[in-house]
PDB file of N, CA and C in Angstrom:
ATOM      1  N   MET A   1       0.819  -1.204   0.000  1.00  0.00           N
ATOM      2  CA  MET A   1       0.000   0.000   0.000  1.00  0.00           C
ATOM      3  C   MET A   1       0.859   1.262   0.000  1.00  0.00           C
ATOM      4  N   THR A   2       1.969   1.259   0.739  1.00  0.00           N
ATOM      5  CA  THR A   2       2.822   2.454   0.786  1.00  0.00           C
ATOM      6  C   THR A   2       3.390   2.786  -0.586  1.00  0.00           C
ATOM      7  N   ASN A   3       3.683   1.776  -1.374  1.00  0.00           N
ATOM      8  CA  ASN A   3       4.214   2.043  -2.705  1.00  0.00           C
ATOM      9  C   ASN A   3       3.227   2.827  -3.556  1.00  0.00           C
ATOM     10  N   ILE A   4       1.970   2.502  -3.455  1.00  0.00           N
ATOM     11  CA  ILE A   4       0.942   3.217  -4.209  1.00  0.00           C
ATOM     12  C   ILE A   4       0.837   4.652  -3.712  1.00  0.00           C
ATOM     13  N   VAL A   5       0.851   4.837  -2.405  1.00  0.00           N
ATOM     14  CA  VAL A   5       0.768   6.178  -1.821  1.00  0.00           C
ATOM     15  C   VAL A   5       1.990   7.001  -2.237  1.00  0.00           C
ATOM     16  N   GLU A   6       3.169   6.404  -2.162  1.00  0.00           N
ATOM     17  CA  GLU A   6       4.390   7.106  -2.576  1.00  0.00           C
ATOM     18  C   GLU A   6       4.331   7.461  -4.060  1.00  0.00           C
ATOM     19  N   TYR A   7       3.825   6.549  -4.860  1.00  0.00           N
ATOM     20  CA  TYR A   7       3.713   6.782  -6.290  1.00  0.00           C
ATOM     21  C   TYR A   7       2.765   7.947  -6.570  1.00  0.00           C
ATOM     22  N   ILE A   8       1.628   7.966  -5.906  1.00  0.00           N
ATOM     23  CA  ILE A   8       0.651   9.044  -6.084  1.00  0.00           C
ATOM     24  C   ILE A   8       1.241  10.372  -5.617  1.00  0.00           C
ATOM     25  N   ASP A   9       1.927  10.365  -4.476  1.00  0.00           N
ATOM     26  CA  ASP A   9       2.564  11.585  -3.975  1.00  0.00           C
ATOM     27  C   ASP A   9       3.611  12.099  -4.963  1.00  0.00           C
ATOM     28  N   TYR A  10       4.384  11.194  -5.509  1.00  0.00           N
ATOM     29  CA  TYR A  10       5.420  11.571  -6.463  1.00  0.00           C
ATOM     30  C   TYR A  10       4.805  12.161  -7.729  1.00  0.00           C
ATOM     31  N   ARG A  11       3.749  11.529  -8.215  1.00  0.00           N
ATOM     32  CA  ARG A  11       3.073  12.053  -9.413  1.00  0.00           C
ATOM     33  C   ARG A  11       2.492  13.432  -9.147  1.00  0.00           C
ATOM     34  N   GLN A  12       1.939  13.630  -7.970  1.00  0.00           N
ATOM     35  CA  GLN A  12       1.388  14.943  -7.621  1.00  0.00           C
ATOM     36  C   GLN A  12       2.501  15.989  -7.550  1.00  0.00           C
ATOM     37  N   PHE A  13       3.632  15.581  -6.982  1.00  0.00           N
ATOM     38  CA  PHE A  13       4.783  16.477  -6.916  1.00  0.00           C
ATOM     39  C   PHE A  13       5.210  16.902  -8.326  1.00  0.00           C
ATOM     40  N   LEU A  14       5.318  15.931  -9.244  1.00  0.00           N
ATOM     41  CA  LEU A  14       5.708  16.241 -10.618  1.00  0.00           C
ATOM     42  C   LEU A  14       4.685  17.142 -11.309  1.00  0.00           C
ATOM     43  N   LEU A  15       3.420  16.856 -11.089  1.00  0.00           N
ATOM     44  CA  LEU A  15       2.369  17.664 -11.685  1.00  0.00           C
ATOM     45  C   LEU A  15       2.461  19.112 -11.203  1.00  0.00           C
ATOM     46  N   ASP A  16       2.625  19.300  -9.904  1.00  0.00           N
ATOM     47  CA  ASP A  16       2.760  20.649  -9.341  1.00  0.00           C
ATOM     48  C   ASP A  16       4.009  21.348  -9.875  1.00  0.00           C
ATOM     49  N   PHE A  17       5.090  20.589  -9.968  1.00  0.00           N
ATOM     50  CA  PHE A  17       6.346  21.141 -10.469  1.00  0.00           C
ATOM     51  C   PHE A  17       6.172  21.657 -11.894  1.00  0.00           C
ATOM     52  N   TYR A  18       5.568  20.856 -12.757  1.00  0.00           N
ATOM     53  CA  TYR A  18       5.389  21.261 -14.146  1.00  0.00           C
ATOM     54  C   TYR A  18       4.381  22.393 -14.293  1.00  0.00           C
ATOM     55  N   LYS A  19       3.376  22.424 -13.450  1.00  0.00           N
ATOM     56  CA  LYS A  19       2.436  23.546 -13.472  1.00  0.00           C
ATOM     57  C   LYS A  19       3.163  24.847 -13.151  1.00  0.00           C
ATOM     58  N   ASP A  20       4.052  24.807 -12.153  1.00  0.00           N
ATOM     59  CA  ASP A  20       4.836  25.994 -11.803  1.00  0.00           C
ATOM     60  C   ASP A  20       5.754  26.415 -12.944  1.00  0.00           C
ATOM     61  N   LEU A  21       6.355  25.440 -13.608  1.00  0.00           N
ATOM     62  CA  LEU A  21       7.224  25.764 -14.743  1.00  0.00           C
ATOM     63  C   LEU A  21       6.451  26.488 -15.838  1.00  0.00           C
ATOM     64  N   VAL A  22       5.301  25.968 -16.171  1.00  0.00           N
ATOM     65  CA  VAL A  22       4.496  26.563 -17.231  1.00  0.00           C
ATOM     66  C   VAL A  22       4.011  27.949 -16.822  1.00  0.00           C
ATOM     67  N   LYS A  23       3.607  28.085 -15.572  1.00  0.00           N
ATOM     68  CA  LYS A  23       3.094  29.362 -15.085  1.00  0.00           C
ATOM     69  C   LYS A  23       4.183  30.437 -15.116  1.00  0.00           C
ATOM     70  N   ASN A  24       5.407  30.075 -14.785  1.00  0.00           N
ATOM     71  CA  ASN A  24       6.498  31.043 -14.706  1.00  0.00           C
ATOM     72  C   ASN A  24       7.247  31.233 -16.022  1.00  0.00           C
ATOM     73  N   ARG A  25       6.868  30.482 -17.018  1.00  0.00           N
ATOM     74  CA  ARG A  25       7.555  30.557 -18.312  1.00  0.00           C
ATOM     75  C   ARG A  25       7.189  31.847 -19.027  1.00  0.00           C
ATOM     76  N   LYS A  26       8.204  32.503 -19.535  1.00  0.00           N
ATOM     77  CA  LYS A  26       7.969  33.733 -20.275  1.00  0.00           C
ATOM     78  C   LYS A  26       8.404  33.510 -21.712  1.00  0.00           C
ATOM     79  N   GLU A  27       7.549  33.887 -22.616  1.00  0.00           N
ATOM     80  CA  GLU A  27       7.862  33.743 -24.030  1.00  0.00           C
ATOM     81  C   GLU A  27       8.250  35.101 -24.591  1.00  0.00           C
ATOM     82  N   ALA A  28       9.124  35.076 -25.547  1.00  0.00           N
ATOM     83  CA  ALA A  28       9.526  36.311 -26.204  1.00  0.00           C
ATOM     84  C   ALA A  28       9.639  36.056 -27.699  1.00  0.00           C
ATOM     85  N   VAL A  29       9.238  37.037 -28.440  1.00  0.00           N
ATOM     86  CA  VAL A  29       9.388  36.961 -29.883  1.00  0.00           C
ATOM     87  C   VAL A  29      10.747  37.563 -30.213  1.00  0.00           C
ATOM     88  N   LEU A  30      11.539  36.818 -30.954  1.00  0.00           N
ATOM     89  CA  LEU A  30      12.876  37.288 -31.296  1.00  0.00           C
ATOM     90  C   LEU A  30      12.835  38.148 -32.551  1.00  0.00           C
ATOM     91  N   ASN A  31      13.541  39.263 -32.495  1.00  0.00           N
ATOM     92  CA  ASN A  31      13.682  40.032 -33.724  1.00  0.00           C
ATOM     93  C   ASN A  31      14.769  39.374 -34.570  1.00  0.00           C
ATOM     94  N   SER A  32      14.969  39.865 -35.769  1.00  0.00           N
ATOM     95  CA  SER A  32      15.902  39.192 -36.681  1.00  0.00           C
ATOM     96  C   SER A  32      17.331  39.182 -36.153  1.00  0.00           C
ATOM     97  N   GLU A  33      17.741  40.231 -35.436  1.00  0.00           N
ATOM     98  CA  GLU A  33      19.093  40.266 -34.875  1.00  0.00           C
ATOM     99  C   GLU A  33      19.245  39.238 -33.753  1.00  0.00           C
ATOM    100  N   SER A  34      18.257  39.139 -32.881  1.00  0.00           N
ATOM    101  CA  SER A  34      18.314  38.161 -31.791  1.00  0.00           C
ATOM    102  C   SER A  34      18.278  36.742 -32.342  1.00  0.00           C
ATOM    103  N   TYR A  35      17.455  36.541 -33.344  1.00  0.00           N
ATOM    104  CA  TYR A  35      17.342  35.217 -33.954  1.00  0.00           C
ATOM    105  C   TYR A  35      18.680  34.771 -34.527  1.00  0.00           C
ATOM    106  N   LYS A  36      19.438  35.722 -35.039  1.00  0.00           N
ATOM    107  CA  LYS A  36      20.731  35.418 -35.646  1.00  0.00           C
ATOM    108  C   LYS A  36      21.639  34.691 -34.658  1.00  0.00           C
ATOM    109  N   PHE A  37      21.593  35.094 -33.381  1.00  0.00           N
ATOM    110  CA  PHE A  37      22.437  34.462 -32.364  1.00  0.00           C
ATOM    111  C   PHE A  37      22.070  32.993 -32.173  1.00  0.00           C
ATOM    112  N   PHE A  38      20.806  32.675 -32.201  1.00  0.00           N
ATOM    113  CA  PHE A  38      20.350  31.321 -31.889  1.00  0.00           C
ATOM    114  C   PHE A  38      20.319  30.377 -33.092  1.00  0.00           C
ATOM    115  N   LYS A  39      20.396  30.909 -34.297  1.00  0.00           N
ATOM    116  CA  LYS A  39      20.234  30.039 -35.464  1.00  0.00           C
ATOM    117  C   LYS A  39      21.488  29.250 -35.824  1.00  0.00           C
ATOM    118  N   SER A  40      22.632  29.621 -35.279  1.00  0.00           N
ATOM    119  CA  SER A  40      23.869  28.936 -35.645  1.00  0.00           C
ATOM    120  C   SER A  40      24.664  28.549 -34.404  1.00  0.00           C
ATOM    121  N   TRP A  41      25.320  27.413 -34.468  1.00  0.00           N
ATOM    122  CA  TRP A  41      26.160  26.939 -33.367  1.00  0.00           C
ATOM    123  C   TRP A  41      27.355  27.857 -33.152  1.00  0.00           C
ATOM    124  N   LYS A  42      27.741  28.586 -34.179  1.00  0.00           N
ATOM    125  CA  LYS A  42      28.956  29.394 -34.126  1.00  0.00           C
ATOM    126  C   LYS A  42      28.919  30.436 -33.009  1.00  0.00           C
ATOM    127  N   TYR A  43      27.777  31.065 -32.806  1.00  0.00           N
ATOM    128  CA  TYR A  43      27.695  32.141 -31.827  1.00  0.00           C
ATOM    129  C   TYR A  43      27.939  31.640 -30.406  1.00  0.00           C
ATOM    130  N   SER A  44      27.384  30.507 -30.077  1.00  0.00           N
ATOM    131  CA  SER A  44      27.594  29.940 -28.736  1.00  0.00           C
ATOM    132  C   SER A  44      29.054  29.572 -28.521  1.00  0.00           C
ATOM    133  N   VAL A  45      29.657  28.982 -29.537  1.00  0.00           N
ATOM    134  CA  VAL A  45      31.064  28.582 -29.436  1.00  0.00           C
ATOM    135  C   VAL A  45      31.954  29.815 -29.315  1.00  0.00           C
ATOM    136  N   ILE A  46      31.713  30.803 -30.157  1.00  0.00           N
ATOM    137  CA  ILE A  46      32.509  32.031 -30.114  1.00  0.00           C
ATOM    138  C   ILE A  46      32.390  32.697 -28.752  1.00  0.00           C
ATOM    139  N   ARG A  47      31.186  32.742 -28.215  1.00  0.00           N
ATOM    140  CA  ARG A  47      30.985  33.369 -26.912  1.00  0.00           C
ATOM    141  C   ARG A  47      31.772  32.650 -25.827  1.00  0.00           C
ATOM    142  N   GLU A  48      31.702  31.337 -25.805  1.00  0.00           N
ATOM    143  CA  GLU A  48      32.409  30.572 -24.778  1.00  0.00           C
ATOM    144  C   GLU A  48      33.918  30.709 -24.910  1.00  0.00           C
ATOM    145  N   VAL A  49      34.420  30.645 -26.131  1.00  0.00           N
ATOM    146  CA  VAL A  49      35.867  30.789 -26.338  1.00  0.00           C
ATOM    147  C   VAL A  49      36.309  32.191 -25.930  1.00  0.00           C
ATOM    148  N   ALA A  50      35.568  33.206 -26.359  1.00  0.00           N
ATOM    149  CA  ALA A  50      35.932  34.592 -26.041  1.00  0.00           C
ATOM    150  C   ALA A  50      35.926  34.849 -24.539  1.00  0.00           C
ATOM    151  N   SER A  51      34.990  34.230 -23.837  1.00  0.00           N
ATOM    152  CA  SER A  51      34.893  34.485 -22.394  1.00  0.00           C
ATOM    153  C   SER A  51      35.982  33.778 -21.595  1.00  0.00           C
ATOM    154  N   THR A  52      36.684  32.839 -22.199  1.00  0.00           N
ATOM    155  CA  THR A  52      37.748  32.137 -21.473  1.00  0.00           C
ATOM    156  C   THR A  52      39.133  32.707 -21.763  1.00  0.00           C
ATOM    157  N   LEU A  53      39.248  33.539 -22.792  1.00  0.00           N
ATOM    158  CA  LEU A  53      40.546  34.109 -23.156  1.00  0.00           C
ATOM    159  C   LEU A  53      40.675  35.537 -22.636  1.00  0.00           C
ATOM    160  N   LYS A  54      41.908  35.960 -22.416  1.00  0.00           N
ATOM    161  CA  LYS A  54      42.148  37.334 -21.995  1.00  0.00           C
ATOM    162  C   LYS A  54      42.456  38.164 -23.238  1.00  0.00           C
ATOM    163  N   ASN A  55      41.661  39.191 -23.474  1.00  0.00           N
ATOM    164  CA  ASN A  55      41.802  40.075 -24.637  1.00  0.00           C
ATOM    165  C   ASN A  55      41.900  39.303 -25.958  1.00  0.00           C
ATOM    166  N   PRO A  56      40.892  38.492 -26.259  1.00  0.00           N
ATOM    167  CA  PRO A  56      40.969  37.667 -27.474  1.00  0.00           C
ATOM    168  C   PRO A  56      40.836  38.492 -28.749  1.00  0.00           C
ATOM    169  N   LYS A  57      41.519  38.074 -29.764  1.00  0.00           N
ATOM    170  CA  LYS A  57      41.418  38.670 -31.103  1.00  0.00           C
ATOM    171  C   LYS A  57      40.558  37.730 -31.952  1.00  0.00           C
ATOM    172  N   PRO A  58      39.774  38.288 -32.886  1.00  0.00           N
ATOM    173  CA  PRO A  58      38.927  37.438 -33.726  1.00  0.00           C
ATOM    174  C   PRO A  58      39.688  36.307 -34.418  1.00  0.00           C
ATOM    175  N   ALA A  59      40.887  36.582 -34.907  1.00  0.00           N
ATOM    176  CA  ALA A  59      41.666  35.539 -35.593  1.00  0.00           C
ATOM    177  C   ALA A  59      42.051  34.418 -34.631  1.00  0.00           C
ATOM    178  N   GLU A  60      42.344  34.781 -33.395  1.00  0.00           N
ATOM    179  CA  GLU A  60      42.711  33.783 -32.376  1.00  0.00           C
ATOM    180  C   GLU A  60      41.515  32.887 -32.049  1.00  0.00           C
ATOM    181  N   ILE A  61      40.360  33.506 -31.887  1.00  0.00           N
ATOM    182  CA  ILE A  61      39.135  32.745 -31.603  1.00  0.00           C
ATOM    183  C   ILE A  61      38.808  31.832 -32.785  1.00  0.00           C
ATOM    184  N   ALA A  62      38.936  32.369 -33.998  1.00  0.00           N
ATOM    185  CA  ALA A  62      38.610  31.606 -35.210  1.00  0.00           C
ATOM    186  C   ALA A  62      39.419  30.317 -35.297  1.00  0.00           C
ATOM    187  N   LYS A  63      40.694  30.383 -34.952  1.00  0.00           N
ATOM    188  CA  LYS A  63      41.562  29.207 -35.046  1.00  0.00           C
ATOM    189  C   LYS A  63      41.247  28.158 -33.988  1.00  0.00           C
ATOM    190  N   LEU A  64      40.654  28.582 -32.876  1.00  0.00           N
ATOM    191  CA  LEU A  64      40.320  27.638 -31.810  1.00  0.00           C
ATOM    192  C   LEU A  64      39.012  26.899 -32.069  1.00  0.00           C
ATOM    193  N   CYS A  65      38.251  27.352 -33.037  1.00  0.00           N
ATOM    194  CA  CYS A  65      36.968  26.716 -33.357  1.00  0.00           C
ATOM    195  C   CYS A  65      37.189  25.577 -34.346  1.00  0.00           C
ATOM    196  N   TYR A  66      36.366  24.544 -34.194  1.00  0.00           N
ATOM    197  CA  TYR A  66      36.425  23.432 -35.138  1.00  0.00           C
ATOM    198  C   TYR A  66      35.019  23.094 -35.598  1.00  0.00           C
ATOM    199  N   PRO A  67      34.738  23.171 -36.870  1.00  0.00           N
ATOM    200  CA  PRO A  67      35.627  23.644 -37.914  1.00  0.00           C
ATOM    201  C   PRO A  67      35.910  25.136 -37.737  1.00  0.00           C
ATOM    202  N   GLU A  68      37.047  25.557 -38.269  1.00  0.00           N
ATOM    203  CA  GLU A  68      37.479  26.940 -38.110  1.00  0.00           C
ATOM    204  C   GLU A  68      36.463  27.892 -38.731  1.00  0.00           C
ATOM    205  N   ILE A  69      36.245  29.003 -38.047  1.00  0.00           N
ATOM    206  CA  ILE A  69      35.302  30.025 -38.496  1.00  0.00           C
ATOM    207  C   ILE A  69      36.129  31.201 -39.027  1.00  0.00           C
ATOM    208  N   PRO A  70      35.736  31.799 -40.140  1.00  0.00           N
ATOM    209  CA  PRO A  70      36.483  32.956 -40.637  1.00  0.00           C
ATOM    210  C   PRO A  70      36.536  34.078 -39.589  1.00  0.00           C
ATOM    211  N   ALA A  71      37.683  34.732 -39.485  1.00  0.00           N
ATOM    212  CA  ALA A  71      37.867  35.800 -38.497  1.00  0.00           C
ATOM    213  C   ALA A  71      36.851  36.923 -38.692  1.00  0.00           C
ATOM    214  N   SER A  72      36.448  37.172 -39.928  1.00  0.00           N
ATOM    215  CA  SER A  72      35.450  38.222 -40.188  1.00  0.00           C
ATOM    216  C   SER A  72      34.105  37.872 -39.548  1.00  0.00           C
ATOM    217  N   GLU A  73      33.728  36.592 -39.587  1.00  0.00           N
ATOM    218  CA  GLU A  73      32.485  36.151 -38.934  1.00  0.00           C
ATOM    219  C   GLU A  73      32.605  36.254 -37.421  1.00  0.00           C
ATOM    220  N   VAL A  74      33.778  35.923 -36.898  1.00  0.00           N
ATOM    221  CA  VAL A  74      34.001  36.028 -35.454  1.00  0.00           C
ATOM    222  C   VAL A  74      33.873  37.480 -35.024  1.00  0.00           C
ATOM    223  N   SER A  75      34.472  38.377 -35.777  1.00  0.00           N
ATOM    224  CA  SER A  75      34.407  39.803 -35.463  1.00  0.00           C
ATOM    225  C   SER A  75      32.964  40.301 -35.456  1.00  0.00           C
ATOM    226  N   GLU A  76      32.197  39.913 -36.463  1.00  0.00           N
ATOM    227  CA  GLU A  76      30.782  40.292 -36.545  1.00  0.00           C
ATOM    228  C   GLU A  76      30.000  39.724 -35.358  1.00  0.00           C
ATOM    229  N   ALA A  77      30.285  38.480 -35.010  1.00  0.00           N
ATOM    230  CA  ALA A  77      29.593  37.835 -33.891  1.00  0.00           C
ATOM    231  C   ALA A  77      29.914  38.531 -32.573  1.00  0.00           C
ATOM    232  N   LEU A  78      31.163  38.911 -32.376  1.00  0.00           N
ATOM    233  CA  LEU A  78      31.554  39.605 -31.147  1.00  0.00           C
ATOM    234  C   LEU A  78      30.828  40.943 -31.019  1.00  0.00           C
ATOM    235  N   LYS A  79      30.713  41.663 -32.115  1.00  0.00           N
ATOM    236  CA  LYS A  79      29.993  42.945 -32.102  1.00  0.00           C
ATOM    237  C   LYS A  79      28.525  42.733 -31.740  1.00  0.00           C
ATOM    238  N   LEU A  80      27.913  41.715 -32.336  1.00  0.00           N
ATOM    239  CA  LEU A  80      26.511  41.406 -32.051  1.00  0.00           C
ATOM    240  C   LEU A  80      26.321  41.074 -30.573  1.00  0.00           C
ATOM    241  N   MET A  81      27.215  40.251 -30.027  1.00  0.00           N
ATOM    242  CA  MET A  81      27.092  39.844 -28.625  1.00  0.00           C
ATOM    243  C   MET A  81      27.331  41.007 -27.669  1.00  0.00           C
ATOM    244  N   CYS A  82      28.228  41.903 -28.010  1.00  0.00           N
ATOM    245  CA  CYS A  82      28.447  43.096 -27.183  1.00  0.00           C
ATOM    246  C   CYS A  82      27.217  43.996 -27.224  1.00  0.00           C
ATOM    247  N   ARG A  83      26.628  44.136 -28.403  1.00  0.00           N
ATOM    248  CA  ARG A  83      25.435  44.969 -28.557  1.00  0.00           C
ATOM    249  C   ARG A  83      24.282  44.448 -27.696  1.00  0.00           C
ATOM    250  N   TYR A  84      24.161  43.130 -27.579  1.00  0.00           N
ATOM    251  CA  TYR A  84      23.073  42.539 -26.799  1.00  0.00           C
ATOM    252  C   TYR A  84      23.451  42.230 -25.354  1.00  0.00           C
ATOM    253  N   GLY A  85      24.653  42.590 -24.948  1.00  0.00           N
ATOM    254  CA  GLY A  85      25.059  42.381 -23.562  1.00  0.00           C
ATOM    255  C   GLY A  85      25.437  40.950 -23.233  1.00  0.00           C
ATOM    256  N   LEU A  86      25.660  40.130 -24.244  1.00  0.00           N
ATOM    257  CA  LEU A  86      26.059  38.744 -24.005  1.00  0.00           C
ATOM    258  C   LEU A  86      27.546  38.639 -23.725  1.00  0.00           C
ATOM    259  N   LEU A  87      28.289  39.645 -24.134  1.00  0.00           N
ATOM    260  CA  LEU A  87      29.713  39.785 -23.810  1.00  0.00           C
ATOM    261  C   LEU A  87      29.938  41.244 -23.437  1.00  0.00           C
ATOM    262  N   LEU A  88      30.856  41.470 -22.537  1.00  0.00           N
ATOM    263  CA  LEU A  88      31.172  42.838 -22.137  1.00  0.00           C
ATOM    264  C   LEU A  88      32.619  43.141 -22.477  1.00  0.00           C
ATOM    265  N   GLN A  89      32.853  44.352 -22.962  1.00  0.00           N
ATOM    266  CA  GLN A  89      34.223  44.771 -23.232  1.00  0.00           C
ATOM    267  C   GLN A  89      34.825  45.312 -21.943  1.00  0.00           C
ATOM    268  N   ASP A  90      36.134  45.137 -21.785  1.00  0.00           N
ATOM    269  CA  ASP A  90      36.777  45.706 -20.605  1.00  0.00           C
ATOM    270  C   ASP A  90      37.024  47.202 -20.834  1.00  0.00           C
ATOM    271  N   LYS A  91      37.651  47.857 -19.865  1.00  0.00           N
ATOM    272  CA  LYS A  91      37.827  49.308 -19.926  1.00  0.00           C
ATOM    273  C   LYS A  91      38.707  49.756 -21.086  1.00  0.00           C
ATOM    274  N   THR A  92      39.518  48.867 -21.609  1.00  0.00           N
ATOM    275  CA  THR A  92      40.382  49.226 -22.738  1.00  0.00           C
ATOM    276  C   THR A  92      39.719  48.909 -24.076  1.00  0.00           C
ATOM    277  N   ASN A  93      38.410  48.600 -24.030  1.00  0.00           N
ATOM    278  CA  ASN A  93      37.625  48.275 -25.232  1.00  0.00           C
ATOM    279  C   ASN A  93      38.079  47.005 -25.920  1.00  0.00           C
ATOM    280  N   LYS A  94      38.593  46.065 -25.178  1.00  0.00           N
ATOM    281  CA  LYS A  94      39.032  44.797 -25.755  1.00  0.00           C
ATOM    282  C   LYS A  94      38.007  43.734 -25.481  1.00  0.00           C
TER     283      LYS A  94
END
């Protein structure tokens, strides 16, 4: 009998948990610039690589990516991420 009670309690817990998730979920419509960040794997990789290096240069980041990304794309991606606050420049603008 306890197994059934535990099972019912667990199911109720999961149901309540998912109800809270749905209730607190916020949806947003992405504009074309925001969508650009999410449509390609490159942006996530560039962001992670850039955040681990000290004063990274686009060419340096490009070479660390596999497959390698052109430095011009890395530069464009860095500008986009700075504009949206996904990366911050230090005081020397690097």
